[in-house]
Amino acid sequence: MKLRLAAAVALPCLALTLTACNDGTADPSADSARNASTPASAPAAAPAGDVPAYDASKLEPGEKKFMDTVWAVSDNRASLKEADAQTIKSVVAVYGLECLGDDRDREQVVDKKDTGARMSPADREKLLTSWRLDLCGRPDKGAFVKDVALTRQGFQKNEFSGDQEYGVHWKITNSGAEAADYMAAIEFYDKDGDFLGSTAAFAERLGPGKSTDGDAAAYPEAIRNGSVADIVTAKVGEVDRLPKG
């Protein structure tokens, strides 16, 4: 994900940032001074009825719908208007790399940008939703959460190391009419409800109406914002379902 994130923070600044991209030739101290002297303000929304005026001639329908959303929430539309079709296509391609990740990866890209911090919650959600649905072609967030259940969870001793770990027993049931692959995020939270990290459960070519189950555990490497000892609960997060007709 780090490689995708590094790439995605580069080109999309054309569309999302309030200031010009720092390509290594700009003076970072000048940017810092300018930002320090400029009060934070939300980016101006596109005027009502504003028609996107960038070169979309090389975009597929889903890509164009996504870039129309970027246009609507960006205050850097002047740069988009000046960009040629190949540059626009390249911007979309870099955004598309994050389709390999999950919602948290895409949220991280948006929130690392200056505009992400200043964007209204409604515009932020609008951008992330279009990214998921239009560009990545994924269903609504949470559409298949109902297919995954955690039937048991709690601290247990690892049978090999003897260390304490937080384990879960999961069950995946295919609610669709065709066989499908599943990948479900299992997220861990502390007593304050803060996200600590995640692991995943998988099912391959699970038949319609069929179920499978298994075990997963939170290992120290998966906990980014605390320790395994901080976990008080596990929940089903994002669930991807890929039909295998």
Protein backbone atom coordinates (compact mmCIF):
# COMPACT_ATOMS: atom_id res chain seq x y z
CA MET A 1 0.00 0.00 0.00
CA LYS A 2 2.89 2.41 0.69
CA LEU A 3 3.98 2.34 -2.96
CA ARG A 4 0.43 3.01 -4.11
CA LEU A 5 0.06 5.80 -1.55
CA ALA A 6 3.29 7.47 -2.62
CA ALA A 7 2.16 7.46 -6.23
CA ALA A 8 -1.37 8.54 -5.46
CA VAL A 9 -0.20 11.55 -3.49
CA ALA A 10 1.76 12.79 -6.51
CA LEU A 11 -0.46 13.20 -9.59
CA PRO A 12 -3.84 13.78 -7.93
CA CYS A 13 -2.56 16.99 -6.35
CA LEU A 14 -3.43 18.48 -9.74
CA ALA A 15 -7.06 17.89 -8.89
CA LEU A 16 -7.28 18.22 -5.12
CA THR A 17 -4.71 20.54 -3.60
CA LEU A 18 -5.16 24.22 -2.90
CA THR A 19 -1.60 25.01 -3.94
CA ALA A 20 0.69 23.78 -6.69
CA CYS A 21 2.30 20.35 -6.40
CA ASN A 22 5.73 20.22 -4.82
CA ASP A 23 7.66 18.23 -7.45
CA GLY A 24 10.99 18.63 -5.72
CA THR A 25 11.82 21.96 -7.40
CA ALA A 26 9.67 24.12 -5.16
CA ASP A 27 10.99 25.58 -1.91
CA PRO A 28 9.24 23.72 0.95
CA SER A 29 9.98 26.59 3.34
CA ALA A 30 8.09 28.94 1.04
CA ASP A 31 5.09 26.62 1.10
CA SER A 32 5.28 26.41 4.89
CA ALA A 33 5.45 30.17 5.23
CA ARG A 34 2.56 30.66 2.84
CA ASN A 35 0.42 28.07 4.60
CA ALA A 36 1.21 29.54 7.99
CA SER A 37 0.08 32.99 6.87
CA THR A 38 -3.04 31.79 5.07
CA PRO A 39 -6.08 30.97 7.21
CA ALA A 40 -7.53 27.53 6.55
CA SER A 41 -10.77 27.67 4.63
CA ALA A 42 -12.91 25.10 2.91
CA PRO A 43 -12.41 24.84 -0.85
CA ALA A 44 -15.03 26.65 -2.87
CA ALA A 45 -17.63 24.29 -4.25
CA ALA A 46 -18.38 24.28 -7.95
CA PRO A 47 -21.18 26.74 -8.75
CA ALA A 48 -24.63 25.23 -9.14
CA GLY A 49 -25.04 24.00 -12.69
CA ASP A 50 -21.30 24.24 -13.33
CA VAL A 51 -20.39 21.96 -16.25
CA PRO A 52 -17.02 20.16 -15.96
CA ALA A 53 -14.66 21.75 -18.48
CA TYR A 54 -11.67 19.42 -18.55
CA ASP A 55 -10.54 17.18 -21.43
CA ALA A 56 -12.30 13.85 -20.81
CA SER A 57 -11.77 12.50 -24.33
CA LYS A 58 -9.64 9.55 -23.16
CA LEU A 59 -11.77 8.55 -20.17
CA GLU A 60 -14.09 5.58 -19.85
CA PRO A 61 -17.63 6.30 -18.55
CA GLY A 62 -16.84 5.33 -14.95
CA GLU A 63 -13.60 7.31 -15.03
CA LYS A 64 -15.44 10.39 -16.28
CA LYS A 65 -18.09 10.12 -13.56
CA PHE A 66 -15.31 10.02 -10.99
CA MET A 67 -13.47 13.00 -12.48
CA ASP A 68 -16.73 14.94 -12.65
CA THR A 69 -16.95 14.43 -8.89
CA VAL A 70 -13.34 15.55 -8.45
CA TRP A 71 -14.21 18.65 -10.48
CA ALA A 72 -17.21 19.35 -8.24
CA VAL A 73 -15.27 19.20 -4.96
CA SER A 74 -11.98 20.74 -6.12
CA ASP A 75 -11.09 24.42 -6.02
CA ASN A 76 -8.22 23.80 -8.45
CA ARG A 77 -10.40 23.56 -11.54
CA ALA A 78 -8.16 25.99 -13.42
CA SER A 79 -5.40 23.35 -13.46
CA LEU A 80 -7.84 20.69 -14.63
CA LYS A 81 -8.99 22.91 -17.50
CA GLU A 82 -5.39 23.46 -18.61
CA ALA A 83 -4.39 19.77 -18.47
CA ASP A 84 -4.39 17.73 -21.68
CA ALA A 85 -6.32 14.48 -22.09
CA GLN A 86 -3.33 12.24 -21.34
CA THR A 87 -2.57 14.07 -18.09
CA ILE A 88 -6.18 13.67 -16.98
CA LYS A 89 -6.01 9.98 -17.89
CA SER A 90 -2.80 9.63 -15.86
CA VAL A 91 -4.40 11.28 -12.84
CA VAL A 92 -7.30 8.82 -13.02
CA ALA A 93 -4.89 5.88 -13.42
CA VAL A 94 -3.05 6.80 -10.24
CA TYR A 95 -6.31 7.10 -8.33
CA GLY A 96 -7.17 3.70 -9.77
CA LEU A 97 -4.15 2.11 -8.09
CA GLU A 98 -5.89 2.59 -4.75
CA CYS A 99 -8.74 0.37 -5.94
CA LEU A 100 -6.38 -2.47 -4.97
CA GLY A 101 -6.77 -1.35 -1.36
CA ASP A 102 -9.79 -0.80 0.84
CA ASP A 103 -11.78 2.22 1.99
CA ARG A 104 -9.22 3.12 4.65
CA ASP A 105 -6.46 3.32 2.03
CA ARG A 106 -8.50 5.74 -0.07
CA GLU A 107 -9.48 7.79 2.98
CA GLN A 108 -5.80 8.05 3.89
CA VAL A 109 -4.93 9.42 0.45
CA VAL A 110 -7.66 12.07 0.66
CA ASP A 111 -6.80 13.03 4.23
CA LYS A 112 -3.09 13.41 3.46
CA LYS A 113 -3.89 16.11 0.93
CA ASP A 114 -4.25 19.71 2.11
CA THR A 115 -7.71 19.94 0.60
CA GLY A 116 -8.77 16.74 2.32
CA ALA A 117 -8.37 18.41 5.69
CA ARG A 118 -10.35 21.45 4.51
CA MET A 119 -12.99 19.63 2.50
CA SER A 120 -16.47 19.58 3.97
CA PRO A 121 -17.58 16.19 5.36
CA ALA A 122 -20.26 16.01 2.66
CA ASP A 123 -17.78 16.64 -0.18
CA ARG A 124 -15.28 14.20 1.33
CA GLU A 125 -17.93 11.47 1.43
CA LYS A 126 -19.07 12.37 -2.09
CA LEU A 127 -15.52 11.96 -3.41
CA LEU A 128 -14.88 8.69 -1.58
CA THR A 129 -18.22 7.24 -2.69
CA SER A 130 -17.58 8.09 -6.35
CA TRP A 131 -14.06 6.69 -6.06
CA ARG A 132 -15.44 3.39 -4.79
CA LEU A 133 -18.51 3.08 -7.03
CA ASP A 134 -17.56 4.82 -10.28
CA LEU A 135 -13.81 4.29 -10.54
CA CYS A 136 -13.27 1.04 -8.61
CA GLY A 137 -16.63 -0.47 -9.57
CA ARG A 138 -17.25 -1.74 -6.06
CA PRO A 139 -20.68 -1.95 -4.39
CA ASP A 140 -21.80 0.33 -1.61
CA LYS A 141 -19.71 0.14 1.52
CA GLY A 142 -21.16 -2.48 3.82
CA ALA A 143 -23.35 -4.13 1.18
CA PHE A 144 -22.08 -7.61 2.07
CA VAL A 145 -21.30 -7.16 5.77
CA LYS A 146 -24.42 -9.18 6.55
CA ASP A 147 -22.77 -12.22 4.91
CA VAL A 148 -20.04 -12.32 7.57
CA ALA A 149 -20.50 -13.05 11.27
CA LEU A 150 -18.08 -13.26 14.19
CA THR A 151 -19.39 -16.17 16.23
CA ARG A 152 -16.73 -16.08 18.95
CA GLN A 153 -14.02 -13.66 20.05
CA GLY A 154 -11.72 -13.01 22.99
CA PHE A 155 -8.22 -13.43 24.37
CA GLN A 156 -6.62 -16.84 24.05
CA LYS A 157 -3.20 -18.44 24.32
CA ASN A 158 -1.34 -19.08 21.08
CA GLU A 159 -0.83 -22.84 20.89
CA PHE A 160 2.66 -22.48 19.44
CA SER A 161 4.21 -19.46 21.18
CA GLY A 162 2.16 -19.48 24.35
CA ASP A 163 1.61 -15.71 23.99
CA GLN A 164 -1.75 -14.10 24.57
CA GLU A 165 -3.57 -13.14 21.38
CA TYR A 166 -7.02 -11.85 20.53
CA GLY A 167 -8.79 -14.47 18.45
CA VAL A 168 -12.03 -14.55 16.50
CA HIS A 169 -14.03 -17.32 14.87
CA TRP A 170 -15.76 -16.13 11.70
CA LYS A 171 -18.45 -17.51 9.42
CA ILE A 172 -19.09 -16.42 5.82
CA THR A 173 -22.39 -17.26 4.09
CA ASN A 174 -22.88 -16.54 0.39
CA SER A 175 -26.20 -14.69 0.06
CA GLY A 176 -25.96 -14.43 -3.73
CA ALA A 177 -27.25 -16.59 -6.55
CA GLU A 178 -23.80 -17.53 -7.88
CA ALA A 179 -20.50 -18.76 -6.48
CA ALA A 180 -18.25 -15.98 -5.19
CA ASP A 181 -14.93 -15.18 -3.58
CA TYR A 182 -15.06 -13.21 -0.34
CA MET A 183 -12.52 -11.07 1.49
CA ALA A 184 -13.70 -9.63 4.79
CA ALA A 185 -11.82 -7.20 7.01
CA ILE A 186 -11.96 -8.00 10.71
CA GLU A 187 -11.25 -4.82 12.64
CA PHE A 188 -10.08 -4.47 16.24
CA TYR A 189 -11.04 -1.62 18.59
CA ASP A 190 -10.05 -0.41 22.06
CA LYS A 191 -12.28 0.61 24.98
CA ASP A 192 -12.75 4.10 23.53
CA GLY A 193 -13.93 2.73 20.19
CA ASP A 194 -10.69 3.71 18.44
CA PHE A 195 -9.50 1.55 15.54
CA LEU A 196 -6.34 -0.41 16.34
CA GLY A 197 -5.76 -2.59 13.29
CA SER A 198 -7.24 -5.39 11.26
CA THR A 199 -6.85 -8.86 9.80
CA ALA A 200 -8.88 -10.64 7.13
CA ALA A 201 -11.06 -13.68 6.47
CA PHE A 202 -11.28 -15.31 3.03
CA ALA A 203 -13.58 -17.69 1.18
CA GLU A 204 -12.86 -19.00 -2.32
CA ARG A 205 -15.58 -19.98 -4.80
CA LEU A 206 -18.18 -20.27 -2.07
CA GLY A 207 -21.39 -21.68 -3.56
CA PRO A 208 -24.75 -19.87 -3.34
CA GLY A 209 -26.31 -20.38 0.07
CA LYS A 210 -23.19 -22.17 1.31
CA SER A 211 -21.18 -21.26 4.40
CA THR A 212 -17.61 -21.66 5.54
CA ASP A 213 -15.89 -20.71 8.77
CA GLY A 214 -12.44 -20.28 10.23
CA ASP A 215 -10.24 -18.63 12.82
CA ALA A 216 -8.23 -15.42 12.76
CA ALA A 217 -6.25 -13.51 15.34
CA ALA A 218 -4.81 -10.07 15.96
CA TYR A 219 -1.04 -10.26 15.85
CA PRO A 220 1.25 -7.42 17.02
CA GLU A 221 2.24 -6.69 13.41
CA ALA A 222 -1.40 -5.97 12.54
CA ILE A 223 -1.96 -3.52 15.39
CA ARG A 224 -0.83 -0.07 14.27
CA ASN A 225 -2.32 2.21 16.92
CA GLY A 226 -1.69 0.40 20.20
CA SER A 227 -1.12 -3.18 21.31
CA VAL A 228 -3.00 -6.46 21.30
CA ALA A 229 -3.64 -5.96 25.02
CA ASP A 230 -5.71 -2.84 24.21
CA ILE A 231 -8.32 -4.77 22.20
CA VAL A 232 -11.79 -5.01 23.72
CA THR A 233 -13.81 -5.98 20.65
CA ALA A 234 -13.64 -7.08 17.02
CA LYS A 235 -16.08 -6.10 14.27
CA VAL A 236 -16.64 -6.97 10.63
CA GLY A 237 -15.35 -4.14 8.44
CA GLU A 238 -15.34 -3.84 4.67
CA VAL A 239 -16.43 -6.98 2.79
CA ASP A 240 -15.55 -7.53 -0.87
CA ARG A 241 -17.51 -10.11 -2.87
CA LEU A 242 -16.37 -11.15 -6.36
CA PRO A 243 -18.86 -13.34 -8.28
CA LYS A 244 -17.37 -16.45 -9.92
CA GLY A 245 -20.05 -17.53 -12.37
